Amino acid sequence: MKGKEDIQLRWWALEAKLMERFGKKPDMEAILFLVGIQELGEVREKFTKEQKQDLMHIAVCSLFAQSGYYELERVDEEGWPHFRQLKALPTMNMTEQENFMKDHLLLYFEKQELN
């Protein structure tokens, strides 16, 4: 993980890119929702409330899979990915959790840019 100041600068740069693309500054939930849609690989006009929660779960599992916390177990008949937890997430306070999530989101978007 990178230093807190470096994470914050990179986070602001990511927010600026997303704001430029979508026309408004996204919050953490919106960014997780975008990652979930990206990982599902399907854009729909509407998602149910439960599907939105599932998309955010897919995002979190996909992000933490980058560090070996989860792995893709299977994709169901409807195309939804399912993950298996490989190890427990570390115990962190709220600020550490936020930085941990931001660091994984930044890594995810950096990898997406390279592909």
PDB file of N, CA and C in Angstrom:
ATOM      1  N   MET A   1       0.834  -1.176   0.000  1.00  0.00           N
ATOM      2  CA  MET A   1       0.000   0.000   0.000  1.00  0.00           C
ATOM      3  C   MET A   1       0.883   1.246   0.000  1.00  0.00           C
ATOM      4  N   LYS A   2       0.431   2.241  -0.681  1.00  0.00           N
ATOM      5  CA  LYS A   2       1.202   3.480  -0.771  1.00  0.00           C
ATOM      6  C   LYS A   2       0.878   4.384   0.416  1.00  0.00           C
ATOM      7  N   GLY A   3       1.667   5.459   0.571  1.00  0.00           N
ATOM      8  CA  GLY A   3       1.449   6.399   1.667  1.00  0.00           C
ATOM      9  C   GLY A   3       0.117   7.116   1.568  1.00  0.00           C
ATOM     10  N   LYS A   4      -0.362   7.602   2.719  1.00  0.00           N
ATOM     11  CA  LYS A   4      -1.671   8.258   2.776  1.00  0.00           C
ATOM     12  C   LYS A   4      -1.766   9.457   1.843  1.00  0.00           C
ATOM     13  N   GLU A   5      -0.701  10.293   1.814  1.00  0.00           N
ATOM     14  CA  GLU A   5      -0.729  11.490   0.972  1.00  0.00           C
ATOM     15  C   GLU A   5      -0.780  11.095  -0.499  1.00  0.00           C
ATOM     16  N   ASP A   6       0.005  10.082  -0.868  1.00  0.00           N
ATOM     17  CA  ASP A   6       0.029   9.611  -2.251  1.00  0.00           C
ATOM     18  C   ASP A   6      -1.339   9.058  -2.644  1.00  0.00           C
ATOM     19  N   ILE A   7      -1.958   8.299  -1.760  1.00  0.00           N
ATOM     20  CA  ILE A   7      -3.289   7.748  -2.033  1.00  0.00           C
ATOM     21  C   ILE A   7      -4.272   8.891  -2.257  1.00  0.00           C
ATOM     22  N   GLN A   8      -4.228   9.911  -1.409  1.00  0.00           N
ATOM     23  CA  GLN A   8      -5.184  11.014  -1.522  1.00  0.00           C
ATOM     24  C   GLN A   8      -4.994  11.769  -2.838  1.00  0.00           C
ATOM     25  N   LEU A   9      -3.758  12.028  -3.221  1.00  0.00           N
ATOM     26  CA  LEU A   9      -3.512  12.727  -4.495  1.00  0.00           C
ATOM     27  C   LEU A   9      -4.000  11.906  -5.684  1.00  0.00           C
ATOM     28  N   ARG A  10      -3.712  10.616  -5.666  1.00  0.00           N
ATOM     29  CA  ARG A  10      -4.160   9.736  -6.746  1.00  0.00           C
ATOM     30  C   ARG A  10      -5.681   9.610  -6.741  1.00  0.00           C
ATOM     31  N   TRP A  11      -6.294   9.612  -5.553  1.00  0.00           N
ATOM     32  CA  TRP A  11      -7.747   9.531  -5.438  1.00  0.00           C
ATOM     33  C   TRP A  11      -8.405  10.770  -6.057  1.00  0.00           C
ATOM     34  N   TRP A  12      -7.871  11.947  -5.748  1.00  0.00           N
ATOM     35  CA  TRP A  12      -8.418  13.176  -6.317  1.00  0.00           C
ATOM     36  C   TRP A  12      -8.305  13.163  -7.844  1.00  0.00           C
ATOM     37  N   ALA A  13      -7.204  12.638  -8.348  1.00  0.00           N
ATOM     38  CA  ALA A  13      -7.027  12.547  -9.803  1.00  0.00           C
ATOM     39  C   ALA A  13      -8.069  11.599 -10.412  1.00  0.00           C
ATOM     40  N   LEU A  14      -8.331  10.474  -9.741  1.00  0.00           N
ATOM     41  CA  LEU A  14      -9.351   9.531 -10.222  1.00  0.00           C
ATOM     42  C   LEU A  14     -10.728  10.186 -10.185  1.00  0.00           C
ATOM     43  N   GLU A  15     -11.051  10.861  -9.079  1.00  0.00           N
ATOM     44  CA  GLU A  15     -12.340  11.549  -8.988  1.00  0.00           C
ATOM     45  C   GLU A  15     -12.496  12.563 -10.124  1.00  0.00           C
ATOM     46  N   ALA A  16     -11.428  13.298 -10.431  1.00  0.00           N
ATOM     47  CA  ALA A  16     -11.481  14.301 -11.501  1.00  0.00           C
ATOM     48  C   ALA A  16     -11.754  13.635 -12.848  1.00  0.00           C
ATOM     49  N   LYS A  17     -11.104  12.489 -13.110  1.00  0.00           N
ATOM     50  CA  LYS A  17     -11.341  11.754 -14.362  1.00  0.00           C
ATOM     51  C   LYS A  17     -12.785  11.291 -14.466  1.00  0.00           C
ATOM     52  N   LEU A  18     -13.301  10.740 -13.370  1.00  0.00           N
ATOM     53  CA  LEU A  18     -14.678  10.249 -13.368  1.00  0.00           C
ATOM     54  C   LEU A  18     -15.671  11.399 -13.473  1.00  0.00           C
ATOM     55  N   MET A  19     -15.365  12.531 -12.852  1.00  0.00           N
ATOM     56  CA  MET A  19     -16.233  13.693 -12.933  1.00  0.00           C
ATOM     57  C   MET A  19     -16.271  14.214 -14.374  1.00  0.00           C
ATOM     58  N   GLU A  20     -15.124  14.209 -15.011  1.00  0.00           N
ATOM     59  CA  GLU A  20     -15.046  14.645 -16.412  1.00  0.00           C
ATOM     60  C   GLU A  20     -15.874  13.716 -17.307  1.00  0.00           C
ATOM     61  N   ARG A  21     -15.799  12.435 -17.026  1.00  0.00           N
ATOM     62  CA  ARG A  21     -16.504  11.457 -17.861  1.00  0.00           C
ATOM     63  C   ARG A  21     -18.008  11.433 -17.620  1.00  0.00           C
ATOM     64  N   PHE A  22     -18.424  11.562 -16.347  1.00  0.00           N
ATOM     65  CA  PHE A  22     -19.836  11.389 -16.016  1.00  0.00           C
ATOM     66  C   PHE A  22     -20.560  12.694 -15.659  1.00  0.00           C
ATOM     67  N   GLY A  23     -19.837  13.789 -15.547  1.00  0.00           N
ATOM     68  CA  GLY A  23     -20.472  15.075 -15.322  1.00  0.00           C
ATOM     69  C   GLY A  23     -20.756  15.438 -13.884  1.00  0.00           C
ATOM     70  N   LYS A  24     -20.459  14.548 -12.947  1.00  0.00           N
ATOM     71  CA  LYS A  24     -20.594  14.886 -11.531  1.00  0.00           C
ATOM     72  C   LYS A  24     -19.619  14.042 -10.715  1.00  0.00           C
ATOM     73  N   LYS A  25     -19.286  14.572  -9.534  1.00  0.00           N
ATOM     74  CA  LYS A  25     -18.314  13.889  -8.676  1.00  0.00           C
ATOM     75  C   LYS A  25     -18.968  12.662  -8.045  1.00  0.00           C
ATOM     76  N   PRO A  26     -18.390  11.476  -8.292  1.00  0.00           N
ATOM     77  CA  PRO A  26     -18.975  10.253  -7.725  1.00  0.00           C
ATOM     78  C   PRO A  26     -18.523  10.035  -6.278  1.00  0.00           C
ATOM     79  N   ASP A  27     -19.420   9.456  -5.470  1.00  0.00           N
ATOM     80  CA  ASP A  27     -19.014   9.058  -4.127  1.00  0.00           C
ATOM     81  C   ASP A  27     -18.513   7.608  -4.195  1.00  0.00           C
ATOM     82  N   MET A  28     -18.091   7.086  -3.072  1.00  0.00           N
ATOM     83  CA  MET A  28     -17.528   5.740  -3.023  1.00  0.00           C
ATOM     84  C   MET A  28     -18.535   4.694  -3.523  1.00  0.00           C
ATOM     85  N   GLU A  29     -19.798   4.832  -3.127  1.00  0.00           N
ATOM     86  CA  GLU A  29     -20.820   3.878  -3.573  1.00  0.00           C
ATOM     87  C   GLU A  29     -20.975   3.889  -5.084  1.00  0.00           C
ATOM     88  N   ALA A  30     -20.972   5.068  -5.672  1.00  0.00           N
ATOM     89  CA  ALA A  30     -21.117   5.179  -7.127  1.00  0.00           C
ATOM     90  C   ALA A  30     -19.930   4.531  -7.839  1.00  0.00           C
ATOM     91  N   ILE A  31     -18.743   4.714  -7.289  1.00  0.00           N
ATOM     92  CA  ILE A  31     -17.555   4.126  -7.904  1.00  0.00           C
ATOM     93  C   ILE A  31     -17.610   2.604  -7.781  1.00  0.00           C
ATOM     94  N   LEU A  32     -18.026   2.096  -6.634  1.00  0.00           N
ATOM     95  CA  LEU A  32     -18.167   0.649  -6.467  1.00  0.00           C
ATOM     96  C   LEU A  32     -19.223   0.099  -7.424  1.00  0.00           C
ATOM     97  N   PHE A  33     -20.308   0.827  -7.610  1.00  0.00           N
ATOM     98  CA  PHE A  33     -21.355   0.434  -8.545  1.00  0.00           C
ATOM     99  C   PHE A  33     -20.792   0.338  -9.967  1.00  0.00           C
ATOM    100  N   LEU A  34     -19.980   1.322 -10.364  1.00  0.00           N
ATOM    101  CA  LEU A  34     -19.346   1.294 -11.687  1.00  0.00           C
ATOM    102  C   LEU A  34     -18.429   0.081 -11.851  1.00  0.00           C
ATOM    103  N   VAL A  35     -17.654  -0.211 -10.831  1.00  0.00           N
ATOM    104  CA  VAL A  35     -16.759  -1.380 -10.880  1.00  0.00           C
ATOM    105  C   VAL A  35     -17.596  -2.655 -10.991  1.00  0.00           C
ATOM    106  N   GLY A  36     -18.682  -2.732 -10.237  1.00  0.00           N
ATOM    107  CA  GLY A  36     -19.561  -3.904 -10.298  1.00  0.00           C
ATOM    108  C   GLY A  36     -20.128  -4.112 -11.691  1.00  0.00           C
ATOM    109  N   ILE A  37     -20.579  -3.044 -12.320  1.00  0.00           N
ATOM    110  CA  ILE A  37     -21.097  -3.140 -13.690  1.00  0.00           C
ATOM    111  C   ILE A  37     -19.993  -3.583 -14.643  1.00  0.00           C
ATOM    112  N   GLN A  38     -18.812  -3.017 -14.471  1.00  0.00           N
ATOM    113  CA  GLN A  38     -17.655  -3.392 -15.306  1.00  0.00           C
ATOM    114  C   GLN A  38     -17.359  -4.882 -15.164  1.00  0.00           C
ATOM    115  N   GLU A  39     -17.374  -5.384 -13.939  1.00  0.00           N
ATOM    116  CA  GLU A  39     -17.063  -6.790 -13.693  1.00  0.00           C
ATOM    117  C   GLU A  39     -18.189  -7.713 -14.173  1.00  0.00           C
ATOM    118  N   LEU A  40     -19.426  -7.262 -14.071  1.00  0.00           N
ATOM    119  CA  LEU A  40     -20.537  -8.046 -14.592  1.00  0.00           C
ATOM    120  C   LEU A  40     -20.480  -8.082 -16.118  1.00  0.00           C
ATOM    121  N   GLY A  41     -20.033  -6.967 -16.697  1.00  0.00           N
ATOM    122  CA  GLY A  41     -19.905  -6.901 -18.149  1.00  0.00           C
ATOM    123  C   GLY A  41     -21.220  -6.673 -18.863  1.00  0.00           C
ATOM    124  N   GLU A  42     -22.186  -6.127 -18.138  1.00  0.00           N
ATOM    125  CA  GLU A  42     -23.507  -5.921 -18.717  1.00  0.00           C
ATOM    126  C   GLU A  42     -24.091  -4.604 -18.219  1.00  0.00           C
ATOM    127  N   VAL A  43     -24.421  -3.742 -19.152  1.00  0.00           N
ATOM    128  CA  VAL A  43     -25.060  -2.480 -18.789  1.00  0.00           C
ATOM    129  C   VAL A  43     -26.551  -2.623 -19.062  1.00  0.00           C
ATOM    130  N   ARG A  44     -27.341  -2.257 -18.090  1.00  0.00           N
ATOM    131  CA  ARG A  44     -28.798  -2.328 -18.228  1.00  0.00           C
ATOM    132  C   ARG A  44     -29.387  -0.953 -17.978  1.00  0.00           C
ATOM    133  N   GLU A  45     -30.595  -0.794 -18.462  1.00  0.00           N
ATOM    134  CA  GLU A  45     -31.328   0.453 -18.220  1.00  0.00           C
ATOM    135  C   GLU A  45     -31.620   0.607 -16.724  1.00  0.00           C
ATOM    136  N   LYS A  46     -31.998  -0.511 -16.085  1.00  0.00           N
ATOM    137  CA  LYS A  46     -32.353  -0.485 -14.672  1.00  0.00           C
ATOM    138  C   LYS A  46     -31.872  -1.746 -13.971  1.00  0.00           C
ATOM    139  N   PHE A  47     -31.435  -1.578 -12.739  1.00  0.00           N
ATOM    140  CA  PHE A  47     -31.109  -2.692 -11.860  1.00  0.00           C
ATOM    141  C   PHE A  47     -32.040  -2.598 -10.656  1.00  0.00           C
ATOM    142  N   THR A  48     -32.442  -3.745 -10.111  1.00  0.00           N
ATOM    143  CA  THR A  48     -33.247  -3.727  -8.887  1.00  0.00           C
ATOM    144  C   THR A  48     -32.345  -3.317  -7.725  1.00  0.00           C
ATOM    145  N   LYS A  49     -32.957  -2.988  -6.597  1.00  0.00           N
ATOM    146  CA  LYS A  49     -32.186  -2.624  -5.410  1.00  0.00           C
ATOM    147  C   LYS A  49     -31.252  -3.772  -5.012  1.00  0.00           C
ATOM    148  N   GLU A  50     -31.770  -4.999  -5.062  1.00  0.00           N
ATOM    149  CA  GLU A  50     -30.956  -6.165  -4.717  1.00  0.00           C
ATOM    150  C   GLU A  50     -29.795  -6.338  -5.708  1.00  0.00           C
ATOM    151  N   GLN A  51     -30.051  -6.126  -6.980  1.00  0.00           N
ATOM    152  CA  GLN A  51     -28.993  -6.238  -7.990  1.00  0.00           C
ATOM    153  C   GLN A  51     -27.925  -5.163  -7.778  1.00  0.00           C
ATOM    154  N   LYS A  52     -28.335  -3.968  -7.369  1.00  0.00           N
ATOM    155  CA  LYS A  52     -27.364  -2.905  -7.087  1.00  0.00           C
ATOM    156  C   LYS A  52     -26.464  -3.310  -5.918  1.00  0.00           C
ATOM    157  N   GLN A  53     -27.069  -3.907  -4.883  1.00  0.00           N
ATOM    158  CA  GLN A  53     -26.275  -4.391  -3.746  1.00  0.00           C
ATOM    159  C   GLN A  53     -25.325  -5.500  -4.201  1.00  0.00           C
ATOM    160  N   ASP A  54     -25.821  -6.398  -5.055  1.00  0.00           N
ATOM    161  CA  ASP A  54     -24.988  -7.478  -5.582  1.00  0.00           C
ATOM    162  C   ASP A  54     -23.828  -6.919  -6.403  1.00  0.00           C
ATOM    163  N   LEU A  55     -24.087  -5.877  -7.186  1.00  0.00           N
ATOM    164  CA  LEU A  55     -23.029  -5.261  -7.990  1.00  0.00           C
ATOM    165  C   LEU A  55     -21.940  -4.666  -7.112  1.00  0.00           C
ATOM    166  N   MET A  56     -22.335  -4.052  -6.011  1.00  0.00           N
ATOM    167  CA  MET A  56     -21.338  -3.490  -5.094  1.00  0.00           C
ATOM    168  C   MET A  56     -20.551  -4.604  -4.406  1.00  0.00           C
ATOM    169  N   HIS A  57     -21.214  -5.720  -4.115  1.00  0.00           N
ATOM    170  CA  HIS A  57     -20.522  -6.879  -3.535  1.00  0.00           C
ATOM    171  C   HIS A  57     -19.506  -7.444  -4.542  1.00  0.00           C
ATOM    172  N   ILE A  58     -19.916  -7.554  -5.794  1.00  0.00           N
ATOM    173  CA  ILE A  58     -19.012  -8.012  -6.855  1.00  0.00           C
ATOM    174  C   ILE A  58     -17.798  -7.093  -6.929  1.00  0.00           C
ATOM    175  N   ALA A  59     -18.048  -5.788  -6.831  1.00  0.00           N
ATOM    176  CA  ALA A  59     -16.949  -4.820  -6.892  1.00  0.00           C
ATOM    177  C   ALA A  59     -15.966  -5.036  -5.750  1.00  0.00           C
ATOM    178  N   VAL A  60     -16.481  -5.138  -4.533  1.00  0.00           N
ATOM    179  CA  VAL A  60     -15.608  -5.310  -3.363  1.00  0.00           C
ATOM    180  C   VAL A  60     -14.798  -6.599  -3.489  1.00  0.00           C
ATOM    181  N   CYS A  61     -15.447  -7.692  -3.867  1.00  0.00           N
ATOM    182  CA  CYS A  61     -14.730  -8.961  -4.016  1.00  0.00           C
ATOM    183  C   CYS A  61     -13.679  -8.874  -5.118  1.00  0.00           C
ATOM    184  N   SER A  62     -14.028  -8.240  -6.227  1.00  0.00           N
ATOM    185  CA  SER A  62     -13.079  -8.084  -7.331  1.00  0.00           C
ATOM    186  C   SER A  62     -11.878  -7.239  -6.914  1.00  0.00           C
ATOM    187  N   LEU A  63     -12.153  -6.170  -6.182  1.00  0.00           N
ATOM    188  CA  LEU A  63     -11.062  -5.302  -5.720  1.00  0.00           C
ATOM    189  C   LEU A  63     -10.126  -6.045  -4.784  1.00  0.00           C
ATOM    190  N   PHE A  64     -10.696  -6.746  -3.810  1.00  0.00           N
ATOM    191  CA  PHE A  64      -9.865  -7.423  -2.823  1.00  0.00           C
ATOM    192  C   PHE A  64      -9.261  -8.720  -3.360  1.00  0.00           C
ATOM    193  N   ALA A  65      -9.758  -9.213  -4.468  1.00  0.00           N
ATOM    194  CA  ALA A  65      -9.128 -10.363  -5.124  1.00  0.00           C
ATOM    195  C   ALA A  65      -7.727  -9.987  -5.615  1.00  0.00           C
ATOM    196  N   GLN A  66      -7.536  -8.710  -5.903  1.00  0.00           N
ATOM    197  CA  GLN A  66      -6.215  -8.233  -6.351  1.00  0.00           C
ATOM    198  C   GLN A  66      -5.130  -8.495  -5.304  1.00  0.00           C
ATOM    199  N   SER A  67      -5.533  -8.577  -4.037  1.00  0.00           N
ATOM    200  CA  SER A  67      -4.591  -8.806  -2.939  1.00  0.00           C
ATOM    201  C   SER A  67      -4.736 -10.192  -2.330  1.00  0.00           C
ATOM    202  N   GLY A  68      -5.463 -11.072  -3.000  1.00  0.00           N
ATOM    203  CA  GLY A  68      -5.565 -12.453  -2.542  1.00  0.00           C
ATOM    204  C   GLY A  68      -6.588 -12.720  -1.455  1.00  0.00           C
ATOM    205  N   TYR A  69      -7.482 -11.775  -1.200  1.00  0.00           N
ATOM    206  CA  TYR A  69      -8.504 -11.993  -0.172  1.00  0.00           C
ATOM    207  C   TYR A  69      -9.682 -12.806  -0.701  1.00  0.00           C
ATOM    208  N   TYR A  70      -9.954 -12.695  -1.990  1.00  0.00           N
ATOM    209  CA  TYR A  70     -11.049 -13.415  -2.641  1.00  0.00           C
ATOM    210  C   TYR A  70     -10.543 -13.997  -3.952  1.00  0.00           C
ATOM    211  N   GLU A  71     -11.286 -14.976  -4.454  1.00  0.00           N
ATOM    212  CA  GLU A  71     -11.045 -15.463  -5.802  1.00  0.00           C
ATOM    213  C   GLU A  71     -12.388 -15.743  -6.454  1.00  0.00           C
ATOM    214  N   LEU A  72     -12.404 -15.617  -7.767  1.00  0.00           N
ATOM    215  CA  LEU A  72     -13.618 -15.920  -8.507  1.00  0.00           C
ATOM    216  C   LEU A  72     -13.858 -17.413  -8.421  1.00  0.00           C
ATOM    217  N   GLU A  73     -15.020 -17.787  -7.939  1.00  0.00           N
ATOM    218  CA  GLU A  73     -15.362 -19.201  -7.786  1.00  0.00           C
ATOM    219  C   GLU A  73     -16.066 -19.724  -9.038  1.00  0.00           C
ATOM    220  N   ARG A  74     -17.046 -18.946  -9.502  1.00  0.00           N
ATOM    221  CA  ARG A  74     -17.790 -19.350 -10.690  1.00  0.00           C
ATOM    222  C   ARG A  74     -18.611 -18.180 -11.196  1.00  0.00           C
ATOM    223  N   VAL A  75     -19.123 -18.342 -12.393  1.00  0.00           N
ATOM    224  CA  VAL A  75     -20.088 -17.407 -12.959  1.00  0.00           C
ATOM    225  C   VAL A  75     -21.364 -18.208 -13.169  1.00  0.00           C
ATOM    226  N   ASP A  76     -22.479 -17.710 -12.626  1.00  0.00           N
ATOM    227  CA  ASP A  76     -23.722 -18.474 -12.721  1.00  0.00           C
ATOM    228  C   ASP A  76     -24.335 -18.395 -14.120  1.00  0.00           C
ATOM    229  N   GLU A  77     -25.437 -19.099 -14.300  1.00  0.00           N
ATOM    230  CA  GLU A  77     -26.085 -19.200 -15.613  1.00  0.00           C
ATOM    231  C   GLU A  77     -26.587 -17.857 -16.128  1.00  0.00           C
ATOM    232  N   GLU A  78     -26.768 -16.876 -15.237  1.00  0.00           N
ATOM    233  CA  GLU A  78     -27.202 -15.537 -15.649  1.00  0.00           C
ATOM    234  C   GLU A  78     -26.021 -14.589 -15.873  1.00  0.00           C
ATOM    235  N   GLY A  79     -24.807 -15.104 -15.697  1.00  0.00           N
ATOM    236  CA  GLY A  79     -23.617 -14.301 -15.943  1.00  0.00           C
ATOM    237  C   GLY A  79     -23.079 -13.540 -14.745  1.00  0.00           C
ATOM    238  N   TRP A  80     -23.644 -13.798 -13.545  1.00  0.00           N
ATOM    239  CA  TRP A  80     -23.196 -13.102 -12.338  1.00  0.00           C
ATOM    240  C   TRP A  80     -22.033 -13.858 -11.700  1.00  0.00           C
ATOM    241  N   PRO A  81     -20.927 -13.164 -11.425  1.00  0.00           N
ATOM    242  CA  PRO A  81     -19.786 -13.815 -10.772  1.00  0.00           C
ATOM    243  C   PRO A  81     -20.042 -14.069  -9.289  1.00  0.00           C
ATOM    244  N   HIS A  82     -19.475 -15.167  -8.802  1.00  0.00           N
ATOM    245  CA  HIS A  82     -19.552 -15.524  -7.382  1.00  0.00           C
ATOM    246  C   HIS A  82     -18.124 -15.757  -6.892  1.00  0.00           C
ATOM    247  N   PHE A  83     -17.831 -15.252  -5.707  1.00  0.00           N
ATOM    248  CA  PHE A  83     -16.479 -15.285  -5.163  1.00  0.00           C
ATOM    249  C   PHE A  83     -16.403 -16.133  -3.915  1.00  0.00           C
ATOM    250  N   ARG A  84     -15.197 -16.602  -3.637  1.00  0.00           N
ATOM    251  CA  ARG A  84     -14.906 -17.329  -2.409  1.00  0.00           C
ATOM    252  C   ARG A  84     -13.860 -16.509  -1.652  1.00  0.00           C
ATOM    253  N   GLN A  85     -14.089 -16.323  -0.349  1.00  0.00           N
ATOM    254  CA  GLN A  85     -13.116 -15.608   0.479  1.00  0.00           C
ATOM    255  C   GLN A  85     -11.987 -16.565   0.828  1.00  0.00           C
ATOM    256  N   LEU A  86     -10.758 -16.122   0.603  1.00  0.00           N
ATOM    257  CA  LEU A  86      -9.583 -16.956   0.858  1.00  0.00           C
ATOM    258  C   LEU A  86      -8.939 -16.681   2.209  1.00  0.00           C
ATOM    259  N   LYS A  87      -9.021 -15.439   2.650  1.00  0.00           N
ATOM    260  CA  LYS A  87      -8.455 -15.072   3.952  1.00  0.00           C
ATOM    261  C   LYS A  87      -9.223 -13.883   4.501  1.00  0.00           C
ATOM    262  N   ALA A  88      -9.156 -13.726   5.800  1.00  0.00           N
ATOM    263  CA  ALA A  88      -9.872 -12.643   6.474  1.00  0.00           C
ATOM    264  C   ALA A  88      -9.237 -11.302   6.146  1.00  0.00           C
ATOM    265  N   LEU A  89     -10.075 -10.299   6.027  1.00  0.00           N
ATOM    266  CA  LEU A  89      -9.576  -8.941   5.846  1.00  0.00           C
ATOM    267  C   LEU A  89      -8.977  -8.459   7.157  1.00  0.00           C
ATOM    268  N   PRO A  90      -7.970  -7.602   7.093  1.00  0.00           N
ATOM    269  CA  PRO A  90      -7.359  -7.115   8.335  1.00  0.00           C
ATOM    270  C   PRO A  90      -8.327  -6.240   9.131  1.00  0.00           C
ATOM    271  N   THR A  91      -8.139  -6.220  10.436  1.00  0.00           N
ATOM    272  CA  THR A  91      -8.927  -5.361  11.308  1.00  0.00           C
ATOM    273  C   THR A  91      -8.377  -3.942  11.188  1.00  0.00           C
ATOM    274  N   MET A  92      -9.280  -2.998  10.889  1.00  0.00           N
ATOM    275  CA  MET A  92      -8.856  -1.615  10.667  1.00  0.00           C
ATOM    276  C   MET A  92      -9.889  -0.655  11.238  1.00  0.00           C
ATOM    277  N   ASN A  93      -9.437   0.553  11.574  1.00  0.00           N
ATOM    278  CA  ASN A  93     -10.381   1.598  11.958  1.00  0.00           C
ATOM    279  C   ASN A  93     -10.992   2.186  10.679  1.00  0.00           C
ATOM    280  N   MET A  94     -11.939   3.106  10.819  1.00  0.00           N
ATOM    281  CA  MET A  94     -12.659   3.641   9.660  1.00  0.00           C
ATOM    282  C   MET A  94     -11.730   4.308   8.640  1.00  0.00           C
ATOM    283  N   THR A  95     -10.784   5.102   9.098  1.00  0.00           N
ATOM    284  CA  THR A  95      -9.858   5.783   8.186  1.00  0.00           C
ATOM    285  C   THR A  95      -9.003   4.773   7.443  1.00  0.00           C
ATOM    286  N   GLU A  96      -8.514   3.771   8.154  1.00  0.00           N
ATOM    287  CA  GLU A  96      -7.705   2.727   7.511  1.00  0.00           C
ATOM    288  C   GLU A  96      -8.542   1.943   6.498  1.00  0.00           C
ATOM    289  N   GLN A  97      -9.803   1.651   6.835  1.00  0.00           N
ATOM    290  CA  GLN A  97     -10.683   0.948   5.892  1.00  0.00           C
ATOM    291  C   GLN A  97     -10.885   1.762   4.623  1.00  0.00           C
ATOM    292  N   GLU A  98     -11.113   3.058   4.796  1.00  0.00           N
ATOM    293  CA  GLU A  98     -11.323   3.929   3.637  1.00  0.00           C
ATOM    294  C   GLU A  98     -10.070   3.969   2.753  1.00  0.00           C
ATOM    295  N   ASN A  99      -8.908   4.098   3.369  1.00  0.00           N
ATOM    296  CA  ASN A  99      -7.663   4.120   2.597  1.00  0.00           C
ATOM    297  C   ASN A  99      -7.384   2.771   1.931  1.00  0.00           C
ATOM    298  N   PHE A 100      -7.724   1.686   2.616  1.00  0.00           N
ATOM    299  CA  PHE A 100      -7.560   0.341   2.064  1.00  0.00           C
ATOM    300  C   PHE A 100      -8.427   0.182   0.809  1.00  0.00           C
ATOM    301  N   MET A 101      -9.672   0.640   0.902  1.00  0.00           N
ATOM    302  CA  MET A 101     -10.591   0.575  -0.235  1.00  0.00           C
ATOM    303  C   MET A 101     -10.104   1.475  -1.366  1.00  0.00           C
ATOM    304  N   LYS A 102      -9.716   2.701  -1.032  1.00  0.00           N
ATOM    305  CA  LYS A 102      -9.226   3.628  -2.060  1.00  0.00           C
ATOM    306  C   LYS A 102      -8.004   3.057  -2.769  1.00  0.00           C
ATOM    307  N   ASP A 103      -7.086   2.476  -2.005  1.00  0.00           N
ATOM    308  CA  ASP A 103      -5.874   1.903  -2.587  1.00  0.00           C
ATOM    309  C   ASP A 103      -6.228   0.794  -3.587  1.00  0.00           C
ATOM    310  N   HIS A 104      -7.179  -0.053  -3.232  1.00  0.00           N
ATOM    311  CA  HIS A 104      -7.592  -1.133  -4.125  1.00  0.00           C
ATOM    312  C   HIS A 104      -8.345  -0.610  -5.345  1.00  0.00           C
ATOM    313  N   LEU A 105      -9.161   0.428  -5.165  1.00  0.00           N
ATOM    314  CA  LEU A 105      -9.841   1.044  -6.300  1.00  0.00           C
ATOM    315  C   LEU A 105      -8.835   1.678  -7.257  1.00  0.00           C
ATOM    316  N   LEU A 106      -7.857   2.368  -6.707  1.00  0.00           N
ATOM    317  CA  LEU A 106      -6.829   2.996  -7.548  1.00  0.00           C
ATOM    318  C   LEU A 106      -6.053   1.943  -8.337  1.00  0.00           C
ATOM    319  N   LEU A 107      -5.696   0.849  -7.686  1.00  0.00           N
ATOM    320  CA  LEU A 107      -5.001  -0.243  -8.359  1.00  0.00           C
ATOM    321  C   LEU A 107      -5.864  -0.811  -9.487  1.00  0.00           C
ATOM    322  N   TYR A 108      -7.143  -0.993  -9.218  1.00  0.00           N
ATOM    323  CA  TYR A 108      -8.077  -1.513 -10.213  1.00  0.00           C
ATOM    324  C   TYR A 108      -8.131  -0.603 -11.438  1.00  0.00           C
ATOM    325  N   PHE A 109      -8.313   0.696 -11.210  1.00  0.00           N
ATOM    326  CA  PHE A 109      -8.407   1.623 -12.336  1.00  0.00           C
ATOM    327  C   PHE A 109      -7.088   1.760 -13.086  1.00  0.00           C
ATOM    328  N   GLU A 110      -5.972   1.670 -12.368  1.00  0.00           N
ATOM    329  CA  GLU A 110      -4.665   1.703 -13.053  1.00  0.00           C
ATOM    330  C   GLU A 110      -4.514   0.493 -13.967  1.00  0.00           C
ATOM    331  N   LYS A 111      -4.945  -0.671 -13.506  1.00  0.00           N
ATOM    332  CA  LYS A 111      -4.887  -1.886 -14.340  1.00  0.00           C
ATOM    333  C   LYS A 111      -5.817  -1.769 -15.535  1.00  0.00           C
ATOM    334  N   GLN A 112      -7.001  -1.164 -15.351  1.00  0.00           N
ATOM    335  CA  GLN A 112      -7.945  -0.995 -16.442  1.00  0.00           C
ATOM    336  C   GLN A 112      -7.385  -0.086 -17.523  1.00  0.00           C
ATOM    337  N   GLU A 113      -6.652   0.931 -17.134  1.00  0.00           N
ATOM    338  CA  GLU A 113      -6.054   1.873 -18.082  1.00  0.00           C
ATOM    339  C   GLU A 113      -5.005   1.172 -18.951  1.00  0.00           C
ATOM    340  N   LEU A 114      -4.309   0.195 -18.384  1.00  0.00           N
ATOM    341  CA  LEU A 114      -3.240  -0.491 -19.107  1.00  0.00           C
ATOM    342  C   LEU A 114      -3.767  -1.491 -20.117  1.00  0.00           C
ATOM    343  N   ASN A 115      -5.001  -1.952 -19.929  1.00  0.00           N
ATOM    344  CA  ASN A 115      -5.561  -2.960 -20.834  1.00  0.00           C
ATOM    345  C   ASN A 115      -6.274  -2.328 -21.994  1.00  0.00           C
TER     346      ASN A 115
END
